[in-house]
């Protein structure tokens, strides 16, 4: 089992950044419905699920960094 983050979509392909920073391509059809850029995925063999908890944690970290960057 590995974790990854959807980096971008290129046509029918999802480019996913895997744990160590390697990029892997997956068919969009293999992803759960509603998957979007920035979602954290759990990849276990042929099964791919969205980690809602992981996705929320990542989004909060990004929001916090943006707040720091753009402080008055």
PDB file of N, CA and C in Angstrom:
ATOM      1  N   UNK A   1       0.846  -1.181   0.000  1.00  0.00           N
ATOM      2  CA  UNK A   1       0.000   0.000   0.000  1.00  0.00           C
ATOM      3  C   UNK A   1       0.892   1.245   0.000  1.00  0.00           C
ATOM      4  N   UNK A   2       0.569   2.182  -0.882  1.00  0.00           N
ATOM      5  CA  UNK A   2       1.297   3.448  -0.945  1.00  0.00           C
ATOM      6  C   UNK A   2       0.287   4.597  -0.960  1.00  0.00           C
ATOM      7  N   UNK A   3       0.792   5.771  -0.661  1.00  0.00           N
ATOM      8  CA  UNK A   3      -0.033   6.972  -0.724  1.00  0.00           C
ATOM      9  C   UNK A   3       0.482   7.853  -1.857  1.00  0.00           C
ATOM     10  N   UNK A   4      -0.413   8.618  -2.422  1.00  0.00           N
ATOM     11  CA  UNK A   4      -0.032   9.550  -3.467  1.00  0.00           C
ATOM     12  C   UNK A   4      -0.989  10.728  -3.482  1.00  0.00           C
ATOM     13  N   UNK A   5      -0.583  11.766  -4.193  1.00  0.00           N
ATOM     14  CA  UNK A   5      -1.398  12.971  -4.322  1.00  0.00           C
ATOM     15  C   UNK A   5      -1.588  13.239  -5.805  1.00  0.00           C
ATOM     16  N   UNK A   6      -2.830  13.493  -6.195  1.00  0.00           N
ATOM     17  CA  UNK A   6      -3.086  13.804  -7.602  1.00  0.00           C
ATOM     18  C   UNK A   6      -2.453  15.152  -7.909  1.00  0.00           C
ATOM     19  N   UNK A   7      -1.473  15.133  -8.798  1.00  0.00           N
ATOM     20  CA  UNK A   7      -0.758  16.344  -9.191  1.00  0.00           C
ATOM     21  C   UNK A   7      -1.495  17.085 -10.299  1.00  0.00           C
ATOM     22  N   UNK A   8      -1.976  16.311 -11.294  1.00  0.00           N
ATOM     23  CA  UNK A   8      -2.667  16.938 -12.423  1.00  0.00           C
ATOM     24  C   UNK A   8      -3.325  15.853 -13.271  1.00  0.00           C
ATOM     25  N   UNK A   9      -4.182  16.323 -14.173  1.00  0.00           N
ATOM     26  CA  UNK A   9      -4.784  15.449 -15.162  1.00  0.00           C
ATOM     27  C   UNK A   9      -4.271  15.851 -16.533  1.00  0.00           C
ATOM     28  N   UNK A  10      -3.946  14.870 -17.336  1.00  0.00           N
ATOM     29  CA  UNK A  10      -3.534  15.089 -18.720  1.00  0.00           C
ATOM     30  C   UNK A  10      -4.416  14.214 -19.595  1.00  0.00           C
ATOM     31  N   UNK A  11      -5.495  14.791 -20.087  1.00  0.00           N
ATOM     32  CA  UNK A  11      -6.446  14.013 -20.870  1.00  0.00           C
ATOM     33  C   UNK A  11      -7.095  12.956 -20.002  1.00  0.00           C
ATOM     34  N   UNK A  12      -6.928  11.697 -20.382  1.00  0.00           N
ATOM     35  CA  UNK A  12      -7.537  10.589 -19.638  1.00  0.00           C
ATOM     36  C   UNK A  12      -6.586   9.990 -18.609  1.00  0.00           C
ATOM     37  N   UNK A  13      -5.487  10.684 -18.337  1.00  0.00           N
ATOM     38  CA  UNK A  13      -4.464  10.204 -17.408  1.00  0.00           C
ATOM     39  C   UNK A  13      -4.408  11.108 -16.176  1.00  0.00           C
ATOM     40  N   UNK A  14      -4.270  10.485 -15.010  1.00  0.00           N
ATOM     41  CA  UNK A  14      -4.028  11.213 -13.765  1.00  0.00           C
ATOM     42  C   UNK A  14      -2.558  11.020 -13.412  1.00  0.00           C
ATOM     43  N   UNK A  15      -1.852  12.124 -13.201  1.00  0.00           N
ATOM     44  CA  UNK A  15      -0.451  12.068 -12.791  1.00  0.00           C
ATOM     45  C   UNK A  15      -0.443  12.198 -11.267  1.00  0.00           C
ATOM     46  N   UNK A  16       0.104  11.177 -10.611  1.00  0.00           N
ATOM     47  CA  UNK A  16       0.050  11.094  -9.153  1.00  0.00           C
ATOM     48  C   UNK A  16       1.468  11.095  -8.594  1.00  0.00           C
ATOM     49  N   UNK A  17       1.714  11.984  -7.632  1.00  0.00           N
ATOM     50  CA  UNK A  17       3.003  12.011  -6.937  1.00  0.00           C
ATOM     51  C   UNK A  17       2.939  10.989  -5.806  1.00  0.00           C
ATOM     52  N   UNK A  18       3.816  10.000  -5.891  1.00  0.00           N
ATOM     53  CA  UNK A  18       3.859   8.923  -4.908  1.00  0.00           C
ATOM     54  C   UNK A  18       4.789   9.341  -3.769  1.00  0.00           C
ATOM     55  N   UNK A  19       4.573   8.743  -2.585  1.00  0.00           N
ATOM     56  CA  UNK A  19       5.305   9.038  -1.351  1.00  0.00           C
ATOM     57  C   UNK A  19       6.634   9.759  -1.519  1.00  0.00           C
ATOM     58  N   UNK A  20       7.589   9.152  -2.171  1.00  0.00           N
ATOM     59  CA  UNK A  20       8.938   9.701  -2.242  1.00  0.00           C
ATOM     60  C   UNK A  20       9.149  10.782  -3.278  1.00  0.00           C
ATOM     61  N   UNK A  21       8.095  11.185  -3.985  1.00  0.00           N
ATOM     62  CA  UNK A  21       8.233  12.232  -4.983  1.00  0.00           C
ATOM     63  C   UNK A  21       8.237  11.709  -6.405  1.00  0.00           C
ATOM     64  N   UNK A  22       8.245  10.377  -6.571  1.00  0.00           N
ATOM     65  CA  UNK A  22       8.154   9.808  -7.913  1.00  0.00           C
ATOM     66  C   UNK A  22       6.767  10.056  -8.475  1.00  0.00           C
ATOM     67  N   UNK A  23       6.683  10.220  -9.790  1.00  0.00           N
ATOM     68  CA  UNK A  23       5.399  10.421 -10.447  1.00  0.00           C
ATOM     69  C   UNK A  23       4.970   9.130 -11.142  1.00  0.00           C
ATOM     70  N   UNK A  24       3.688   8.817 -11.022  1.00  0.00           N
ATOM     71  CA  UNK A  24       3.121   7.656 -11.701  1.00  0.00           C
ATOM     72  C   UNK A  24       1.850   8.085 -12.418  1.00  0.00           C
ATOM     73  N   UNK A  25       1.598   7.469 -13.563  1.00  0.00           N
ATOM     74  CA  UNK A  25       0.386   7.742 -14.324  1.00  0.00           C
ATOM     75  C   UNK A  25      -0.643   6.648 -14.077  1.00  0.00           C
ATOM     76  N   UNK A  26      -1.885   7.064 -13.899  1.00  0.00           N
ATOM     77  CA  UNK A  26      -3.000   6.138 -13.728  1.00  0.00           C
ATOM     78  C   UNK A  26      -4.110   6.571 -14.679  1.00  0.00           C
ATOM     79  N   UNK A  27      -4.853   5.633 -15.229  1.00  0.00           N
ATOM     80  CA  UNK A  27      -6.029   6.030 -16.010  1.00  0.00           C
ATOM     81  C   UNK A  27      -7.039   6.715 -15.092  1.00  0.00           C
ATOM     82  N   UNK A  28      -7.630   7.814 -15.562  1.00  0.00           N
ATOM     83  CA  UNK A  28      -8.643   8.494 -14.748  1.00  0.00           C
ATOM     84  C   UNK A  28      -9.762   7.546 -14.369  1.00  0.00           C
ATOM     85  N   UNK A  29     -10.041   6.592 -15.245  1.00  0.00           N
ATOM     86  CA  UNK A  29     -11.126   5.649 -14.989  1.00  0.00           C
ATOM     87  C   UNK A  29     -10.836   4.742 -13.792  1.00  0.00           C
ATOM     88  N   UNK A  30      -9.561   4.636 -13.372  1.00  0.00           N
ATOM     89  CA  UNK A  30      -9.198   3.803 -12.228  1.00  0.00           C
ATOM     90  C   UNK A  30      -9.406   4.535 -10.902  1.00  0.00           C
ATOM     91  N   UNK A  31      -9.597   5.858 -10.974  1.00  0.00           N
ATOM     92  CA  UNK A  31      -9.761   6.653  -9.749  1.00  0.00           C
ATOM     93  C   UNK A  31     -11.218   6.660  -9.304  1.00  0.00           C
ATOM     94  N   UNK A  32     -11.444   6.876  -8.014  1.00  0.00           N
ATOM     95  CA  UNK A  32     -12.824   6.983  -7.527  1.00  0.00           C
ATOM     96  C   UNK A  32     -13.529   8.187  -8.160  1.00  0.00           C
ATOM     97  N   UNK A  33     -14.843   8.083  -8.309  1.00  0.00           N
ATOM     98  CA  UNK A  33     -15.624   9.215  -8.832  1.00  0.00           C
ATOM     99  C   UNK A  33     -15.398  10.441  -7.963  1.00  0.00           C
ATOM    100  N   UNK A  34     -15.252  11.578  -8.589  1.00  0.00           N
ATOM    101  CA  UNK A  34     -15.078  12.828  -7.854  1.00  0.00           C
ATOM    102  C   UNK A  34     -13.653  13.146  -7.475  1.00  0.00           C
ATOM    103  N   UNK A  35     -12.696  12.292  -7.842  1.00  0.00           N
ATOM    104  CA  UNK A  35     -11.289  12.563  -7.513  1.00  0.00           C
ATOM    105  C   UNK A  35     -10.846  13.838  -8.225  1.00  0.00           C
ATOM    106  N   UNK A  36     -10.090  14.671  -7.501  1.00  0.00           N
ATOM    107  CA  UNK A  36      -9.634  15.934  -8.097  1.00  0.00           C
ATOM    108  C   UNK A  36      -8.198  16.230  -7.691  1.00  0.00           C
ATOM    109  N   UNK A  37      -7.615  17.186  -8.381  1.00  0.00           N
ATOM    110  CA  UNK A  37      -6.232  17.589  -8.114  1.00  0.00           C
ATOM    111  C   UNK A  37      -6.096  17.946  -6.637  1.00  0.00           C
ATOM    112  N   UNK A  38      -5.044  17.427  -6.010  1.00  0.00           N
ATOM    113  CA  UNK A  38      -4.785  17.698  -4.601  1.00  0.00           C
ATOM    114  C   UNK A  38      -5.303  16.623  -3.663  1.00  0.00           C
ATOM    115  N   UNK A  39      -6.134  15.717  -4.174  1.00  0.00           N
ATOM    116  CA  UNK A  39      -6.645  14.643  -3.316  1.00  0.00           C
ATOM    117  C   UNK A  39      -5.532  13.657  -2.984  1.00  0.00           C
ATOM    118  N   UNK A  40      -5.516  13.207  -1.733  1.00  0.00           N
ATOM    119  CA  UNK A  40      -4.585  12.157  -1.330  1.00  0.00           C
ATOM    120  C   UNK A  40      -5.236  10.815  -1.614  1.00  0.00           C
ATOM    121  N   UNK A  41      -4.480   9.949  -2.271  1.00  0.00           N
ATOM    122  CA  UNK A  41      -4.971   8.629  -2.619  1.00  0.00           C
ATOM    123  C   UNK A  41      -4.252   7.563  -1.814  1.00  0.00           C
ATOM    124  N   UNK A  42      -4.971   6.484  -1.539  1.00  0.00           N
ATOM    125  CA  UNK A  42      -4.364   5.283  -0.971  1.00  0.00           C
ATOM    126  C   UNK A  42      -4.455   4.225  -2.059  1.00  0.00           C
ATOM    127  N   UNK A  43      -3.299   3.733  -2.479  1.00  0.00           N
ATOM    128  CA  UNK A  43      -3.219   2.777  -3.574  1.00  0.00           C
ATOM    129  C   UNK A  43      -2.802   1.438  -2.991  1.00  0.00           C
ATOM    130  N   UNK A  44      -3.712   0.480  -3.080  1.00  0.00           N
ATOM    131  CA  UNK A  44      -3.484  -0.846  -2.512  1.00  0.00           C
ATOM    132  C   UNK A  44      -3.759  -1.869  -3.614  1.00  0.00           C
ATOM    133  N   UNK A  45      -2.704  -2.230  -4.337  1.00  0.00           N
ATOM    134  CA  UNK A  45      -2.869  -3.134  -5.478  1.00  0.00           C
ATOM    135  C   UNK A  45      -3.690  -2.454  -6.557  1.00  0.00           C
ATOM    136  N   UNK A  46      -4.816  -3.051  -6.921  1.00  0.00           N
ATOM    137  CA  UNK A  46      -5.696  -2.481  -7.942  1.00  0.00           C
ATOM    138  C   UNK A  46      -6.763  -1.562  -7.360  1.00  0.00           C
ATOM    139  N   UNK A  47      -6.760  -1.397  -6.051  1.00  0.00           N
ATOM    140  CA  UNK A  47      -7.778  -0.581  -5.388  1.00  0.00           C
ATOM    141  C   UNK A  47      -7.213   0.789  -5.045  1.00  0.00           C
ATOM    142  N   UNK A  48      -7.916   1.827  -5.496  1.00  0.00           N
ATOM    143  CA  UNK A  48      -7.520   3.202  -5.199  1.00  0.00           C
ATOM    144  C   UNK A  48      -8.676   3.884  -4.493  1.00  0.00           C
ATOM    145  N   UNK A  49      -8.392   4.457  -3.325  1.00  0.00           N
ATOM    146  CA  UNK A  49      -9.412   5.192  -2.580  1.00  0.00           C
ATOM    147  C   UNK A  49      -8.880   6.578  -2.238  1.00  0.00           C
ATOM    148  N   UNK A  50      -9.792   7.495  -1.979  1.00  0.00           N
ATOM    149  CA  UNK A  50      -9.418   8.847  -1.563  1.00  0.00           C
ATOM    150  C   UNK A  50      -9.358   8.870  -0.044  1.00  0.00           C
ATOM    151  N   UNK A  51      -8.247   9.373   0.493  1.00  0.00           N
ATOM    152  CA  UNK A  51      -8.129   9.561   1.930  1.00  0.00           C
ATOM    153  C   UNK A  51      -8.664  10.950   2.260  1.00  0.00           C
ATOM    154  N   UNK A  52      -9.909  11.010   2.727  1.00  0.00           N
ATOM    155  CA  UNK A  52     -10.512  12.313   3.041  1.00  0.00           C
ATOM    156  C   UNK A  52      -9.737  13.002   4.151  1.00  0.00           C
ATOM    157  N   UNK A  53      -9.325  12.235   5.155  1.00  0.00           N
ATOM    158  CA  UNK A  53      -8.560  12.801   6.269  1.00  0.00           C
ATOM    159  C   UNK A  53      -7.222  13.355   5.773  1.00  0.00           C
ATOM    160  N   UNK A  54      -6.518  12.583   4.952  1.00  0.00           N
ATOM    161  CA  UNK A  54      -5.232  13.024   4.404  1.00  0.00           C
ATOM    162  C   UNK A  54      -5.374  14.245   3.519  1.00  0.00           C
ATOM    163  N   UNK A  55      -6.435  14.266   2.702  1.00  0.00           N
ATOM    164  CA  UNK A  55      -6.681  15.402   1.809  1.00  0.00           C
ATOM    165  C   UNK A  55      -6.941  16.660   2.618  1.00  0.00           C
ATOM    166  N   UNK A  56      -7.774  16.557   3.654  1.00  0.00           N
ATOM    167  CA  UNK A  56      -8.073  17.729   4.488  1.00  0.00           C
ATOM    168  C   UNK A  56      -6.817  18.239   5.186  1.00  0.00           C
ATOM    169  N   UNK A  57      -5.984  17.323   5.670  1.00  0.00           N
ATOM    170  CA  UNK A  57      -4.743  17.714   6.339  1.00  0.00           C
ATOM    171  C   UNK A  57      -3.834  18.474   5.370  1.00  0.00           C
ATOM    172  N   UNK A  58      -3.699  17.968   4.147  1.00  0.00           N
ATOM    173  CA  UNK A  58      -2.870  18.644   3.141  1.00  0.00           C
ATOM    174  C   UNK A  58      -3.413  20.032   2.825  1.00  0.00           C
ATOM    175  N   UNK A  59      -4.723  20.130   2.647  1.00  0.00           N
ATOM    176  CA  UNK A  59      -5.319  21.432   2.316  1.00  0.00           C
ATOM    177  C   UNK A  59      -5.120  22.433   3.445  1.00  0.00           C
ATOM    178  N   UNK A  60      -5.230  21.958   4.692  1.00  0.00           N
ATOM    179  CA  UNK A  60      -5.011  22.861   5.831  1.00  0.00           C
ATOM    180  C   UNK A  60      -3.561  23.336   5.862  1.00  0.00           C
ATOM    181  N   UNK A  61      -2.610  22.421   5.616  1.00  0.00           N
ATOM    182  CA  UNK A  61      -1.201  22.806   5.594  1.00  0.00           C
ATOM    183  C   UNK A  61      -0.939  23.851   4.514  1.00  0.00           C
ATOM    184  N   UNK A  62      -1.538  23.657   3.347  1.00  0.00           N
ATOM    185  CA  UNK A  62      -1.356  24.617   2.250  1.00  0.00           C
ATOM    186  C   UNK A  62      -1.977  25.957   2.615  1.00  0.00           C
ATOM    187  N   UNK A  63      -3.189  25.935   3.180  1.00  0.00           N
ATOM    188  CA  UNK A  63      -3.839  27.184   3.596  1.00  0.00           C
ATOM    189  C   UNK A  63      -2.998  27.925   4.629  1.00  0.00           C
ATOM    190  N   UNK A  64      -2.431  27.193   5.590  1.00  0.00           N
ATOM    191  CA  UNK A  64      -1.594  27.820   6.611  1.00  0.00           C
ATOM    192  C   UNK A  64      -0.348  28.448   5.989  1.00  0.00           C
ATOM    193  N   UNK A  65       0.269  27.750   5.046  1.00  0.00           N
ATOM    194  CA  UNK A  65       1.451  28.305   4.369  1.00  0.00           C
ATOM    195  C   UNK A  65       1.093  29.552   3.571  1.00  0.00           C
ATOM    196  N   UNK A  66      -0.058  29.526   2.909  1.00  0.00           N
ATOM    197  CA  UNK A  66      -0.491  30.692   2.125  1.00  0.00           C
ATOM    198  C   UNK A  66      -0.752  31.876   3.056  1.00  0.00           C
ATOM    199  N   UNK A  67      -1.364  31.605   4.218  1.00  0.00           N
ATOM    200  CA  UNK A  67      -1.620  32.679   5.181  1.00  0.00           C
ATOM    201  C   UNK A  67      -0.304  33.292   5.656  1.00  0.00           C
ATOM    202  N   UNK A  68       0.696  32.457   5.922  1.00  0.00           N
ATOM    203  CA  UNK A  68       2.010  32.955   6.341  1.00  0.00           C
ATOM    204  C   UNK A  68       2.645  33.795   5.252  1.00  0.00           C
ATOM    205  N   UNK A  69       2.545  33.324   4.027  1.00  0.00           N
ATOM    206  CA  UNK A  69       3.194  33.986   2.902  1.00  0.00           C
ATOM    207  C   UNK A  69       2.600  35.357   2.634  1.00  0.00           C
ATOM    208  N   UNK A  70       1.276  35.471   2.792  1.00  0.00           N
ATOM    209  CA  UNK A  70       0.606  36.701   2.428  1.00  0.00           C
ATOM    210  C   UNK A  70       0.136  37.517   3.626  1.00  0.00           C
ATOM    211  N   UNK A  71       0.819  37.367   4.774  1.00  0.00           N
ATOM    212  CA  UNK A  71       0.481  38.175   5.938  1.00  0.00           C
ATOM    213  C   UNK A  71       0.767  39.637   5.631  1.00  0.00           C
ATOM    214  N   UNK A  72      -0.047  40.507   6.230  1.00  0.00           N
ATOM    215  CA  UNK A  72       0.151  41.962   6.055  1.00  0.00           C
ATOM    216  C   UNK A  72       1.356  42.444   6.792  1.00  0.00           C
TER     217      UNK A  72
END
